[in-house]
Amino acid sequence: ILLVDDEVVIANLLKRILEGYGYQVFEKTCSIETLNTFRQQPDRYDLVITDLTMPNMTGLDLAGEIHVIRPDLPIILMTGYSEKITEELESRYGIRAVVMKPIGARILEQTIRKMLDHI
């Protein structure tokens, strides 16, 4: 799982939670750095989880760039705002699920499992 959140504390916490569920997590706190890393090894990841609001490049913009490279890759968007899955979010950005912050560990794990089960 490629996990992106510009808040270091949240990124570290989510990484520890997901590793506790047995996932291998690559944590990033900069969306531009994340995109560069992803471009180097796009087949390394089974899932991307990105925050919506980040400096320099939003989670939607990051998701859109990743979606161009790997349209098959499930992307989960984390947000504190009310976002609904729309056809535009899915087709343009590759967003397959939206989870609201603050995120409960069980909800996040269930969402991840649902995404990975459909690969």
PDB file of N, CA and C in Angstrom:
ATOM      1  N   ILE A   1       0.852  -1.184   0.000  1.00  0.00           N
ATOM      2  CA  ILE A   1       0.000   0.000   0.000  1.00  0.00           C
ATOM      3  C   ILE A   1       0.889   1.235   0.000  1.00  0.00           C
ATOM      4  N   LEU A   2       0.588   2.156  -0.883  1.00  0.00           N
ATOM      5  CA  LEU A   2       1.253   3.452  -0.891  1.00  0.00           C
ATOM      6  C   LEU A   2       0.335   4.425  -0.160  1.00  0.00           C
ATOM      7  N   LEU A   3       0.802   4.961   0.957  1.00  0.00           N
ATOM      8  CA  LEU A   3       0.018   5.831   1.830  1.00  0.00           C
ATOM      9  C   LEU A   3       0.594   7.240   1.786  1.00  0.00           C
ATOM     10  N   VAL A   4      -0.267   8.235   1.530  1.00  0.00           N
ATOM     11  CA  VAL A   4       0.200   9.616   1.413  1.00  0.00           C
ATOM     12  C   VAL A   4      -0.652  10.526   2.291  1.00  0.00           C
ATOM     13  N   ASP A   5       0.004  11.183   3.239  1.00  0.00           N
ATOM     14  CA  ASP A   5      -0.647  12.207   4.050  1.00  0.00           C
ATOM     15  C   ASP A   5       0.431  13.192   4.467  1.00  0.00           C
ATOM     16  N   ASP A   6       0.195  14.477   4.244  1.00  0.00           N
ATOM     17  CA  ASP A   6       1.214  15.476   4.548  1.00  0.00           C
ATOM     18  C   ASP A   6       1.413  15.683   6.048  1.00  0.00           C
ATOM     19  N   GLU A   7       0.497  15.202   6.866  1.00  0.00           N
ATOM     20  CA  GLU A   7       0.653  15.298   8.315  1.00  0.00           C
ATOM     21  C   GLU A   7       1.412  14.064   8.798  1.00  0.00           C
ATOM     22  N   VAL A   8       2.651  14.291   9.244  1.00  0.00           N
ATOM     23  CA  VAL A   8       3.551  13.202   9.618  1.00  0.00           C
ATOM     24  C   VAL A   8       2.942  12.308  10.697  1.00  0.00           C
ATOM     25  N   VAL A   9       2.326  12.904  11.699  1.00  0.00           N
ATOM     26  CA  VAL A   9       1.744  12.129  12.799  1.00  0.00           C
ATOM     27  C   VAL A   9       0.656  11.194  12.271  1.00  0.00           C
ATOM     28  N   ILE A  10      -0.205  11.697  11.406  1.00  0.00           N
ATOM     29  CA  ILE A  10      -1.284  10.871  10.846  1.00  0.00           C
ATOM     30  C   ILE A  10      -0.711   9.777   9.955  1.00  0.00           C
ATOM     31  N   ALA A  11       0.254  10.128   9.114  1.00  0.00           N
ATOM     32  CA  ALA A  11       0.871   9.131   8.227  1.00  0.00           C
ATOM     33  C   ALA A  11       1.508   8.007   9.043  1.00  0.00           C
ATOM     34  N   ASN A  12       2.245   8.372  10.102  1.00  0.00           N
ATOM     35  CA  ASN A  12       2.887   7.358  10.951  1.00  0.00           C
ATOM     36  C   ASN A  12       1.858   6.476  11.646  1.00  0.00           C
ATOM     37  N   LEU A  13       0.798   7.090  12.158  1.00  0.00           N
ATOM     38  CA  LEU A  13      -0.244   6.339  12.856  1.00  0.00           C
ATOM     39  C   LEU A  13      -0.946   5.370  11.911  1.00  0.00           C
ATOM     40  N   LEU A  14      -1.338   5.849  10.741  1.00  0.00           N
ATOM     41  CA  LEU A  14      -2.011   4.975   9.774  1.00  0.00           C
ATOM     42  C   LEU A  14      -1.106   3.839   9.327  1.00  0.00           C
ATOM     43  N   LYS A  15       0.176   4.141   9.137  1.00  0.00           N
ATOM     44  CA  LYS A  15       1.117   3.091   8.744  1.00  0.00           C
ATOM     45  C   LYS A  15       1.176   2.001   9.812  1.00  0.00           C
ATOM     46  N   ARG A  16       1.297   2.403  11.071  1.00  0.00           N
ATOM     47  CA  ARG A  16       1.365   1.417  12.155  1.00  0.00           C
ATOM     48  C   ARG A  16       0.082   0.595  12.242  1.00  0.00           C
ATOM     49  N   ILE A  17      -1.063   1.264  12.084  1.00  0.00           N
ATOM     50  CA  ILE A  17      -2.341   0.548  12.133  1.00  0.00           C
ATOM     51  C   ILE A  17      -2.428  -0.480  11.017  1.00  0.00           C
ATOM     52  N   LEU A  18      -2.093  -0.056   9.804  1.00  0.00           N
ATOM     53  CA  LEU A  18      -2.202  -0.957   8.649  1.00  0.00           C
ATOM     54  C   LEU A  18      -1.188  -2.089   8.721  1.00  0.00           C
ATOM     55  N   GLU A  19      -0.006  -1.801   9.216  1.00  0.00           N
ATOM     56  CA  GLU A  19       0.976  -2.879   9.398  1.00  0.00           C
ATOM     57  C   GLU A  19       0.490  -3.873  10.437  1.00  0.00           C
ATOM     58  N   GLY A  20      -0.251  -3.398  11.412  1.00  0.00           N
ATOM     59  CA  GLY A  20      -0.849  -4.289  12.408  1.00  0.00           C
ATOM     60  C   GLY A  20      -1.853  -5.252  11.794  1.00  0.00           C
ATOM     61  N   TYR A  21      -2.468  -4.844  10.689  1.00  0.00           N
ATOM     62  CA  TYR A  21      -3.381  -5.726   9.952  1.00  0.00           C
ATOM     63  C   TYR A  21      -2.627  -6.627   8.963  1.00  0.00           C
ATOM     64  N   GLY A  22      -1.302  -6.470   8.904  1.00  0.00           N
ATOM     65  CA  GLY A  22      -0.492  -7.336   8.050  1.00  0.00           C
ATOM     66  C   GLY A  22      -0.132  -6.751   6.690  1.00  0.00           C
ATOM     67  N   TYR A  23      -0.458  -5.503   6.447  1.00  0.00           N
ATOM     68  CA  TYR A  23      -0.136  -4.877   5.156  1.00  0.00           C
ATOM     69  C   TYR A  23       1.274  -4.321   5.167  1.00  0.00           C
ATOM     70  N   GLN A  24       1.911  -4.352   4.007  1.00  0.00           N
ATOM     71  CA  GLN A  24       3.192  -3.677   3.827  1.00  0.00           C
ATOM     72  C   GLN A  24       2.867  -2.272   3.333  1.00  0.00           C
ATOM     73  N   VAL A  25       3.311  -1.260   4.089  1.00  0.00           N
ATOM     74  CA  VAL A  25       2.922   0.114   3.812  1.00  0.00           C
ATOM     75  C   VAL A  25       4.144   0.961   3.516  1.00  0.00           C
ATOM     76  N   PHE A  26       4.085   1.694   2.414  1.00  0.00           N
ATOM     77  CA  PHE A  26       5.113   2.659   2.055  1.00  0.00           C
ATOM     78  C   PHE A  26       4.505   4.035   2.304  1.00  0.00           C
ATOM     79  N   GLU A  27       5.018   4.710   3.311  1.00  0.00           N
ATOM     80  CA  GLU A  27       4.442   5.970   3.777  1.00  0.00           C
ATOM     81  C   GLU A  27       5.194   7.152   3.173  1.00  0.00           C
ATOM     82  N   LYS A  28       4.435   8.127   2.691  1.00  0.00           N
ATOM     83  CA  LYS A  28       4.993   9.353   2.134  1.00  0.00           C
ATOM     84  C   LYS A  28       4.246  10.542   2.713  1.00  0.00           C
ATOM     85  N   THR A  29       4.931  11.687   2.822  1.00  0.00           N
ATOM     86  CA  THR A  29       4.298  12.890   3.350  1.00  0.00           C
ATOM     87  C   THR A  29       4.321  14.044   2.345  1.00  0.00           C
ATOM     88  N   CYS A  30       4.849  13.815   1.172  1.00  0.00           N
ATOM     89  CA  CYS A  30       4.902  14.843   0.129  1.00  0.00           C
ATOM     90  C   CYS A  30       4.314  14.270  -1.155  1.00  0.00           C
ATOM     91  N   SER A  31       3.275  14.913  -1.667  1.00  0.00           N
ATOM     92  CA  SER A  31       2.599  14.375  -2.850  1.00  0.00           C
ATOM     93  C   SER A  31       3.494  14.370  -4.088  1.00  0.00           C
ATOM     94  N   ILE A  32       4.320  15.376  -4.254  1.00  0.00           N
ATOM     95  CA  ILE A  32       5.204  15.432  -5.425  1.00  0.00           C
ATOM     96  C   ILE A  32       6.256  14.334  -5.341  1.00  0.00           C
ATOM     97  N   GLU A  33       6.830  14.147  -4.161  1.00  0.00           N
ATOM     98  CA  GLU A  33       7.796  13.063  -3.953  1.00  0.00           C
ATOM     99  C   GLU A  33       7.134  11.707  -4.181  1.00  0.00           C
ATOM    100  N   THR A  34       5.898  11.583  -3.739  1.00  0.00           N
ATOM    101  CA  THR A  34       5.154  10.341  -3.921  1.00  0.00           C
ATOM    102  C   THR A  34       4.993  10.020  -5.396  1.00  0.00           C
ATOM    103  N   LEU A  35       4.620  11.004  -6.189  1.00  0.00           N
ATOM    104  CA  LEU A  35       4.441  10.790  -7.623  1.00  0.00           C
ATOM    105  C   LEU A  35       5.752  10.374  -8.274  1.00  0.00           C
ATOM    106  N   ASN A  36       6.849  11.014  -7.902  1.00  0.00           N
ATOM    107  CA  ASN A  36       8.156  10.638  -8.455  1.00  0.00           C
ATOM    108  C   ASN A  36       8.532   9.212  -8.077  1.00  0.00           C
ATOM    109  N   THR A  37       8.282   8.839  -6.829  1.00  0.00           N
ATOM    110  CA  THR A  37       8.551   7.473  -6.378  1.00  0.00           C
ATOM    111  C   THR A  37       7.672   6.478  -7.126  1.00  0.00           C
ATOM    112  N   PHE A  38       6.405   6.808  -7.275  1.00  0.00           N
ATOM    113  CA  PHE A  38       5.471   5.929  -7.972  1.00  0.00           C
ATOM    114  C   PHE A  38       5.905   5.715  -9.418  1.00  0.00           C
ATOM    115  N   ARG A  39       6.319   6.765 -10.088  1.00  0.00           N
ATOM    116  CA  ARG A  39       6.753   6.660 -11.494  1.00  0.00           C
ATOM    117  C   ARG A  39       7.931   5.712 -11.668  1.00  0.00           C
ATOM    118  N   GLN A  40       8.788   5.621 -10.662  1.00  0.00           N
ATOM    119  CA  GLN A  40       9.954   4.732 -10.747  1.00  0.00           C
ATOM    120  C   GLN A  40       9.573   3.258 -10.684  1.00  0.00           C
ATOM    121  N   GLN A  41       8.534   2.926  -9.922  1.00  0.00           N
ATOM    122  CA  GLN A  41       8.107   1.534  -9.769  1.00  0.00           C
ATOM    123  C   GLN A  41       6.586   1.452  -9.656  1.00  0.00           C
ATOM    124  N   PRO A  42       5.866   1.746 -10.716  1.00  0.00           N
ATOM    125  CA  PRO A  42       4.404   1.782 -10.619  1.00  0.00           C
ATOM    126  C   PRO A  42       3.761   0.427 -10.342  1.00  0.00           C
ATOM    127  N   ASP A  43       4.438  -0.657 -10.635  1.00  0.00           N
ATOM    128  CA  ASP A  43       3.859  -1.981 -10.404  1.00  0.00           C
ATOM    129  C   ASP A  43       4.140  -2.514  -9.000  1.00  0.00           C
ATOM    130  N   ARG A  44       4.804  -1.726  -8.193  1.00  0.00           N
ATOM    131  CA  ARG A  44       5.163  -2.150  -6.842  1.00  0.00           C
ATOM    132  C   ARG A  44       3.968  -2.147  -5.887  1.00  0.00           C
ATOM    133  N   TYR A  45       2.934  -1.391  -6.224  1.00  0.00           N
ATOM    134  CA  TYR A  45       1.841  -1.149  -5.288  1.00  0.00           C
ATOM    135  C   TYR A  45       0.546  -1.822  -5.733  1.00  0.00           C
ATOM    136  N   ASP A  46      -0.252  -2.238  -4.751  1.00  0.00           N
ATOM    137  CA  ASP A  46      -1.558  -2.837  -5.014  1.00  0.00           C
ATOM    138  C   ASP A  46      -2.692  -1.863  -4.738  1.00  0.00           C
ATOM    139  N   LEU A  47      -2.375  -0.770  -4.032  1.00  0.00           N
ATOM    140  CA  LEU A  47      -3.404   0.169  -3.590  1.00  0.00           C
ATOM    141  C   LEU A  47      -2.725   1.475  -3.190  1.00  0.00           C
ATOM    142  N   VAL A  48      -3.430   2.585  -3.416  1.00  0.00           N
ATOM    143  CA  VAL A  48      -2.955   3.893  -2.962  1.00  0.00           C
ATOM    144  C   VAL A  48      -4.019   4.490  -2.046  1.00  0.00           C
ATOM    145  N   ILE A  49      -3.566   5.044  -0.934  1.00  0.00           N
ATOM    146  CA  ILE A  49      -4.435   5.802  -0.038  1.00  0.00           C
ATOM    147  C   ILE A  49      -3.840   7.201   0.041  1.00  0.00           C
ATOM    148  N   THR A  50      -4.629   8.210  -0.321  1.00  0.00           N
ATOM    149  CA  THR A  50      -4.121   9.566  -0.301  1.00  0.00           C
ATOM    150  C   THR A  50      -5.071  10.524   0.403  1.00  0.00           C
ATOM    151  N   ASP A  51      -4.474  11.474   1.111  1.00  0.00           N
ATOM    152  CA  ASP A  51      -5.244  12.553   1.707  1.00  0.00           C
ATOM    153  C   ASP A  51      -5.663  13.497   0.590  1.00  0.00           C
ATOM    154  N   LEU A  52      -6.770  14.185   0.761  1.00  0.00           N
ATOM    155  CA  LEU A  52      -7.242  15.139  -0.236  1.00  0.00           C
ATOM    156  C   LEU A  52      -6.464  16.443  -0.177  1.00  0.00           C
ATOM    157  N   THR A  53      -6.373  17.026   1.003  1.00  0.00           N
ATOM    158  CA  THR A  53      -5.795  18.357   1.148  1.00  0.00           C
ATOM    159  C   THR A  53      -4.321  18.260   1.507  1.00  0.00           C
ATOM    160  N   MET A  54      -3.465  18.589   0.534  1.00  0.00           N
ATOM    161  CA  MET A  54      -2.023  18.588   0.733  1.00  0.00           C
ATOM    162  C   MET A  54      -1.438  19.774  -0.030  1.00  0.00           C
ATOM    163  N   PRO A  55      -0.304  20.296   0.448  1.00  0.00           N
ATOM    164  CA  PRO A  55       0.326  21.397  -0.278  1.00  0.00           C
ATOM    165  C   PRO A  55       0.961  20.919  -1.588  1.00  0.00           C
ATOM    166  N   ASN A  56       1.134  21.824  -2.510  1.00  0.00           N
ATOM    167  CA  ASN A  56       1.802  21.607  -3.796  1.00  0.00           C
ATOM    168  C   ASN A  56       0.970  20.810  -4.798  1.00  0.00           C
ATOM    169  N   MET A  57       0.417  19.689  -4.381  1.00  0.00           N
ATOM    170  CA  MET A  57      -0.399  18.853  -5.251  1.00  0.00           C
ATOM    171  C   MET A  57      -1.468  18.190  -4.401  1.00  0.00           C
ATOM    172  N   THR A  58      -2.723  18.406  -4.727  1.00  0.00           N
ATOM    173  CA  THR A  58      -3.798  17.802  -3.935  1.00  0.00           C
ATOM    174  C   THR A  58      -3.835  16.296  -4.144  1.00  0.00           C
ATOM    175  N   GLY A  59      -4.555  15.639  -3.265  1.00  0.00           N
ATOM    176  CA  GLY A  59      -4.741  14.197  -3.406  1.00  0.00           C
ATOM    177  C   GLY A  59      -5.466  13.841  -4.696  1.00  0.00           C
ATOM    178  N   LEU A  60      -6.396  14.691  -5.128  1.00  0.00           N
ATOM    179  CA  LEU A  60      -7.085  14.436  -6.401  1.00  0.00           C
ATOM    180  C   LEU A  60      -6.113  14.523  -7.569  1.00  0.00           C
ATOM    181  N   ASP A  61      -5.277  15.548  -7.564  1.00  0.00           N
ATOM    182  CA  ASP A  61      -4.299  15.686  -8.651  1.00  0.00           C
ATOM    183  C   ASP A  61      -3.321  14.515  -8.659  1.00  0.00           C
ATOM    184  N   LEU A  62      -2.857  14.126  -7.471  1.00  0.00           N
ATOM    185  CA  LEU A  62      -1.966  12.970  -7.361  1.00  0.00           C
ATOM    186  C   LEU A  62      -2.656  11.713  -7.874  1.00  0.00           C
ATOM    187  N   ALA A  63      -3.887  11.499  -7.445  1.00  0.00           N
ATOM    188  CA  ALA A  63      -4.643  10.325  -7.895  1.00  0.00           C
ATOM    189  C   ALA A  63      -4.799  10.325  -9.407  1.00  0.00           C
ATOM    190  N   GLY A  64      -5.098  11.486  -9.975  1.00  0.00           N
ATOM    191  CA  GLY A  64      -5.249  11.580 -11.424  1.00  0.00           C
ATOM    192  C   GLY A  64      -3.982  11.190 -12.159  1.00  0.00           C
ATOM    193  N   GLU A  65      -2.830  11.656 -11.665  1.00  0.00           N
ATOM    194  CA  GLU A  65      -1.543  11.313 -12.288  1.00  0.00           C
ATOM    195  C   GLU A  65      -1.262   9.816 -12.171  1.00  0.00           C
ATOM    196  N   ILE A  66      -1.525   9.255 -10.997  1.00  0.00           N
ATOM    197  CA  ILE A  66      -1.327   7.821 -10.791  1.00  0.00           C
ATOM    198  C   ILE A  66      -2.267   7.020 -11.684  1.00  0.00           C
ATOM    199  N   HIS A  67      -3.501   7.493 -11.794  1.00  0.00           N
ATOM    200  CA  HIS A  67      -4.513   6.813 -12.614  1.00  0.00           C
ATOM    201  C   HIS A  67      -4.110   6.761 -14.086  1.00  0.00           C
ATOM    202  N   VAL A  68      -3.461   7.798 -14.573  1.00  0.00           N
ATOM    203  CA  VAL A  68      -2.977   7.802 -15.965  1.00  0.00           C
ATOM    204  C   VAL A  68      -1.932   6.697 -16.159  1.00  0.00           C
ATOM    205  N   ILE A  69      -1.068   6.533 -15.174  1.00  0.00           N
ATOM    206  CA  ILE A  69       0.009   5.538 -15.262  1.00  0.00           C
ATOM    207  C   ILE A  69      -0.518   4.123 -15.048  1.00  0.00           C
ATOM    208  N   ARG A  70      -1.403   3.944 -14.058  1.00  0.00           N
ATOM    209  CA  ARG A  70      -1.963   2.628 -13.721  1.00  0.00           C
ATOM    210  C   ARG A  70      -3.455   2.725 -13.514  1.00  0.00           C
ATOM    211  N   PRO A  71      -4.249   2.715 -14.589  1.00  0.00           N
ATOM    212  CA  PRO A  71      -5.695   2.855 -14.452  1.00  0.00           C
ATOM    213  C   PRO A  71      -6.368   1.733 -13.661  1.00  0.00           C
ATOM    214  N   ASP A  72      -5.698   0.617 -13.499  1.00  0.00           N
ATOM    215  CA  ASP A  72      -6.244  -0.525 -12.770  1.00  0.00           C
ATOM    216  C   ASP A  72      -6.053  -0.416 -11.257  1.00  0.00           C
ATOM    217  N   LEU A  73      -5.228   0.495 -10.800  1.00  0.00           N
ATOM    218  CA  LEU A  73      -4.853   0.581  -9.398  1.00  0.00           C
ATOM    219  C   LEU A  73      -5.945   1.254  -8.567  1.00  0.00           C
ATOM    220  N   PRO A  74      -6.463   0.584  -7.534  1.00  0.00           N
ATOM    221  CA  PRO A  74      -7.482   1.205  -6.687  1.00  0.00           C
ATOM    222  C   PRO A  74      -6.869   2.341  -5.860  1.00  0.00           C
ATOM    223  N   ILE A  75      -7.622   3.432  -5.761  1.00  0.00           N
ATOM    224  CA  ILE A  75      -7.180   4.585  -4.984  1.00  0.00           C
ATOM    225  C   ILE A  75      -8.288   4.946  -3.996  1.00  0.00           C
ATOM    226  N   ILE A  76      -7.893   5.107  -2.737  1.00  0.00           N
ATOM    227  CA  ILE A  76      -8.802   5.533  -1.684  1.00  0.00           C
ATOM    228  C   ILE A  76      -8.442   6.965  -1.312  1.00  0.00           C
ATOM    229  N   LEU A  77      -9.441   7.824  -1.270  1.00  0.00           N
ATOM    230  CA  LEU A  77      -9.252   9.227  -0.920  1.00  0.00           C
ATOM    231  C   LEU A  77      -9.702   9.447   0.519  1.00  0.00           C
ATOM    232  N   MET A  78      -8.825  10.049   1.341  1.00  0.00           N
ATOM    233  CA  MET A  78      -9.175  10.408   2.709  1.00  0.00           C
ATOM    234  C   MET A  78      -9.478  11.903   2.744  1.00  0.00           C
ATOM    235  N   THR A  79     -10.548  12.275   3.401  1.00  0.00           N
ATOM    236  CA  THR A  79     -10.905  13.685   3.467  1.00  0.00           C
ATOM    237  C   THR A  79     -11.701  14.005   4.717  1.00  0.00           C
ATOM    238  N   GLY A  80     -11.604  15.247   5.130  1.00  0.00           N
ATOM    239  CA  GLY A  80     -12.430  15.737   6.217  1.00  0.00           C
ATOM    240  C   GLY A  80     -13.659  16.443   5.681  1.00  0.00           C
ATOM    241  N   TYR A  81     -13.748  16.511   4.361  1.00  0.00           N
ATOM    242  CA  TYR A  81     -14.866  17.174   3.702  1.00  0.00           C
ATOM    243  C   TYR A  81     -15.831  16.126   3.156  1.00  0.00           C
ATOM    244  N   SER A  82     -17.028  16.531   2.894  1.00  0.00           N
ATOM    245  CA  SER A  82     -18.027  15.613   2.379  1.00  0.00           C
ATOM    246  C   SER A  82     -17.801  15.388   0.889  1.00  0.00           C
ATOM    247  N   GLU A  83     -17.180  14.311   0.562  1.00  0.00           N
ATOM    248  CA  GLU A  83     -16.943  13.944  -0.832  1.00  0.00           C
ATOM    249  C   GLU A  83     -17.753  12.694  -1.124  1.00  0.00           C
ATOM    250  N   LYS A  84     -18.392  12.681  -2.247  1.00  0.00           N
ATOM    251  CA  LYS A  84     -19.128  11.499  -2.659  1.00  0.00           C
ATOM    252  C   LYS A  84     -18.464  10.924  -3.898  1.00  0.00           C
ATOM    253  N   ILE A  85     -18.514   9.617  -4.012  1.00  0.00           N
ATOM    254  CA  ILE A  85     -17.980   8.988  -5.208  1.00  0.00           C
ATOM    255  C   ILE A  85     -18.900   9.353  -6.358  1.00  0.00           C
ATOM    256  N   THR A  86     -18.341   9.992  -7.310  1.00  0.00           N
ATOM    257  CA  THR A  86     -19.090  10.334  -8.510  1.00  0.00           C
ATOM    258  C   THR A  86     -18.405   9.662  -9.675  1.00  0.00           C
ATOM    259  N   GLU A  87     -19.088   9.607 -10.784  1.00  0.00           N
ATOM    260  CA  GLU A  87     -18.463   9.030 -11.974  1.00  0.00           C
ATOM    261  C   GLU A  87     -17.203   9.799 -12.332  1.00  0.00           C
ATOM    262  N   GLU A  88     -17.219  11.126 -12.121  1.00  0.00           N
ATOM    263  CA  GLU A  88     -16.040  11.926 -12.442  1.00  0.00           C
ATOM    264  C   GLU A  88     -14.863  11.540 -11.553  1.00  0.00           C
ATOM    265  N   LEU A  89     -15.119  11.387 -10.238  1.00  0.00           N
ATOM    266  CA  LEU A  89     -14.027  11.002  -9.348  1.00  0.00           C
ATOM    267  C   LEU A  89     -13.426   9.675  -9.767  1.00  0.00           C
ATOM    268  N   GLU A  90     -14.277   8.736 -10.138  1.00  0.00           N
ATOM    269  CA  GLU A  90     -13.763   7.422 -10.519  1.00  0.00           C
ATOM    270  C   GLU A  90     -13.099   7.445 -11.887  1.00  0.00           C
ATOM    271  N   SER A  91     -13.746   8.031 -12.877  1.00  0.00           N
ATOM    272  CA  SER A  91     -13.191   7.978 -14.230  1.00  0.00           C
ATOM    273  C   SER A  91     -12.010   8.916 -14.424  1.00  0.00           C
ATOM    274  N   ARG A  92     -12.069  10.089 -13.852  1.00  0.00           N
ATOM    275  CA  ARG A  92     -11.002  11.071 -14.072  1.00  0.00           C
ATOM    276  C   ARG A  92      -9.816  10.867 -13.141  1.00  0.00           C
ATOM    277  N   TYR A  93     -10.084  10.490 -11.899  1.00  0.00           N
ATOM    278  CA  TYR A  93      -9.022  10.399 -10.900  1.00  0.00           C
ATOM    279  C   TYR A  93      -8.739   8.975 -10.419  1.00  0.00           C
ATOM    280  N   GLY A  94      -9.574   8.025 -10.757  1.00  0.00           N
ATOM    281  CA  GLY A  94      -9.364   6.647 -10.325  1.00  0.00           C
ATOM    282  C   GLY A  94      -9.753   6.386  -8.884  1.00  0.00           C
ATOM    283  N   ILE A  95     -10.495   7.307  -8.272  1.00  0.00           N
ATOM    284  CA  ILE A  95     -10.913   7.142  -6.881  1.00  0.00           C
ATOM    285  C   ILE A  95     -11.999   6.068  -6.815  1.00  0.00           C
ATOM    286  N   ARG A  96     -11.739   5.035  -6.030  1.00  0.00           N
ATOM    287  CA  ARG A  96     -12.721   3.958  -5.901  1.00  0.00           C
ATOM    288  C   ARG A  96     -13.486   4.014  -4.590  1.00  0.00           C
ATOM    289  N   ALA A  97     -12.930   4.750  -3.599  1.00  0.00           N
ATOM    290  CA  ALA A  97     -13.601   4.888  -2.308  1.00  0.00           C
ATOM    291  C   ALA A  97     -13.145   6.181  -1.645  1.00  0.00           C
ATOM    292  N   VAL A  98     -14.036   6.730  -0.834  1.00  0.00           N
ATOM    293  CA  VAL A  98     -13.724   7.914  -0.032  1.00  0.00           C
ATOM    294  C   VAL A  98     -13.969   7.548   1.421  1.00  0.00           C
ATOM    295  N   VAL A  99     -12.985   7.837   2.279  1.00  0.00           N
ATOM    296  CA  VAL A  99     -13.150   7.629   3.710  1.00  0.00           C
ATOM    297  C   VAL A  99     -13.015   8.979   4.405  1.00  0.00           C
ATOM    298  N   MET A 100     -13.858   9.178   5.385  1.00  0.00           N
ATOM    299  CA  MET A 100     -13.893  10.446   6.099  1.00  0.00           C
ATOM    300  C   MET A 100     -12.911  10.449   7.268  1.00  0.00           C
ATOM    301  N   LYS A 101     -12.234  11.577   7.422  1.00  0.00           N
ATOM    302  CA  LYS A 101     -11.391  11.791   8.592  1.00  0.00           C
ATOM    303  C   LYS A 101     -12.241  12.391   9.696  1.00  0.00           C
ATOM    304  N   PRO A 102     -12.024  12.065  10.941  1.00  0.00           N
ATOM    305  CA  PRO A 102     -11.041  11.085  11.392  1.00  0.00           C
ATOM    306  C   PRO A 102     -11.476   9.667  11.031  1.00  0.00           C
ATOM    307  N   ILE A 103     -10.507   8.862  10.702  1.00  0.00           N
ATOM    308  CA  ILE A 103     -10.761   7.523  10.180  1.00  0.00           C
ATOM    309  C   ILE A 103     -10.683   6.501  11.307  1.00  0.00           C
ATOM    310  N   GLY A 104     -11.679   5.656  11.367  1.00  0.00           N
ATOM    311  CA  GLY A 104     -11.624   4.526  12.285  1.00  0.00           C
ATOM    312  C   GLY A 104     -10.821   3.407  11.641  1.00  0.00           C
ATOM    313  N   ALA A 105      -9.983   2.758  12.421  1.00  0.00           N
ATOM    314  CA  ALA A 105      -9.116   1.698  11.898  1.00  0.00           C
ATOM    315  C   ALA A 105      -9.911   0.587  11.225  1.00  0.00           C
ATOM    316  N   ARG A 106     -11.003   0.190  11.837  1.00  0.00           N
ATOM    317  CA  ARG A 106     -11.798  -0.913  11.286  1.00  0.00           C
ATOM    318  C   ARG A 106     -12.424  -0.520   9.942  1.00  0.00           C
ATOM    319  N   ILE A 107     -12.946   0.696   9.844  1.00  0.00           N
ATOM    320  CA  ILE A 107     -13.545   1.175   8.585  1.00  0.00           C
ATOM    321  C   ILE A 107     -12.487   1.222   7.479  1.00  0.00           C
ATOM    322  N   LEU A 108     -11.309   1.733   7.820  1.00  0.00           N
ATOM    323  CA  LEU A 108     -10.241   1.811   6.823  1.00  0.00           C
ATOM    324  C   LEU A 108      -9.837   0.416   6.358  1.00  0.00           C
ATOM    325  N   GLU A 109      -9.698  -0.508   7.294  1.00  0.00           N
ATOM    326  CA  GLU A 109      -9.302  -1.878   6.923  1.00  0.00           C
ATOM    327  C   GLU A 109     -10.378  -2.543   6.080  1.00  0.00           C
ATOM    328  N   GLN A 110     -11.622  -2.337   6.403  1.00  0.00           N
ATOM    329  CA  GLN A 110     -12.713  -2.918   5.605  1.00  0.00           C
ATOM    330  C   GLN A 110     -12.731  -2.338   4.195  1.00  0.00           C
ATOM    331  N   THR A 111     -12.453  -1.050   4.074  1.00  0.00           N
ATOM    332  CA  THR A 111     -12.415  -0.408   2.758  1.00  0.00           C
ATOM    333  C   THR A 111     -11.254  -0.952   1.943  1.00  0.00           C
ATOM    334  N   ILE A 112     -10.107  -1.099   2.560  1.00  0.00           N
ATOM    335  CA  ILE A 112      -8.933  -1.659   1.875  1.00  0.00           C
ATOM    336  C   ILE A 112      -9.232  -3.079   1.410  1.00  0.00           C
ATOM    337  N   ARG A 113      -9.779  -3.886   2.289  1.00  0.00           N
ATOM    338  CA  ARG A 113     -10.075  -5.285   1.949  1.00  0.00           C
ATOM    339  C   ARG A 113     -11.029  -5.347   0.768  1.00  0.00           C
ATOM    340  N   LYS A 114     -12.047  -4.496   0.768  1.00  0.00           N
ATOM    341  CA  LYS A 114     -13.004  -4.455  -0.322  1.00  0.00           C
ATOM    342  C   LYS A 114     -12.304  -4.119  -1.639  1.00  0.00           C
ATOM    343  N   MET A 115     -11.402  -3.164  -1.622  1.00  0.00           N
ATOM    344  CA  MET A 115     -10.667  -2.766  -2.838  1.00  0.00           C
ATOM    345  C   MET A 115      -9.759  -3.900  -3.330  1.00  0.00           C
ATOM    346  N   LEU A 116      -9.042  -4.511  -2.397  1.00  0.00           N
ATOM    347  CA  LEU A 116      -8.092  -5.554  -2.782  1.00  0.00           C
ATOM    348  C   LEU A 116      -8.786  -6.829  -3.226  1.00  0.00           C
ATOM    349  N   ASP A 117      -9.958  -7.097  -2.687  1.00  0.00           N
ATOM    350  CA  ASP A 117     -10.703  -8.284  -3.088  1.00  0.00           C
ATOM    351  C   ASP A 117     -11.230  -8.190  -4.528  1.00  0.00           C
ATOM    352  N   HIS A 118     -11.291  -6.977  -5.059  1.00  0.00           N
ATOM    353  CA  HIS A 118     -11.794  -6.779  -6.418  1.00  0.00           C
ATOM    354  C   HIS A 118     -10.694  -6.615  -7.450  1.00  0.00           C
ATOM    355  N   ILE A 119      -9.457  -6.884  -7.060  1.00  0.00           N
ATOM    356  CA  ILE A 119      -8.335  -6.774  -8.018  1.00  0.00           C
ATOM    357  C   ILE A 119      -8.287  -8.032  -8.866  1.00  0.00           C
TER     358      ILE A 119
END
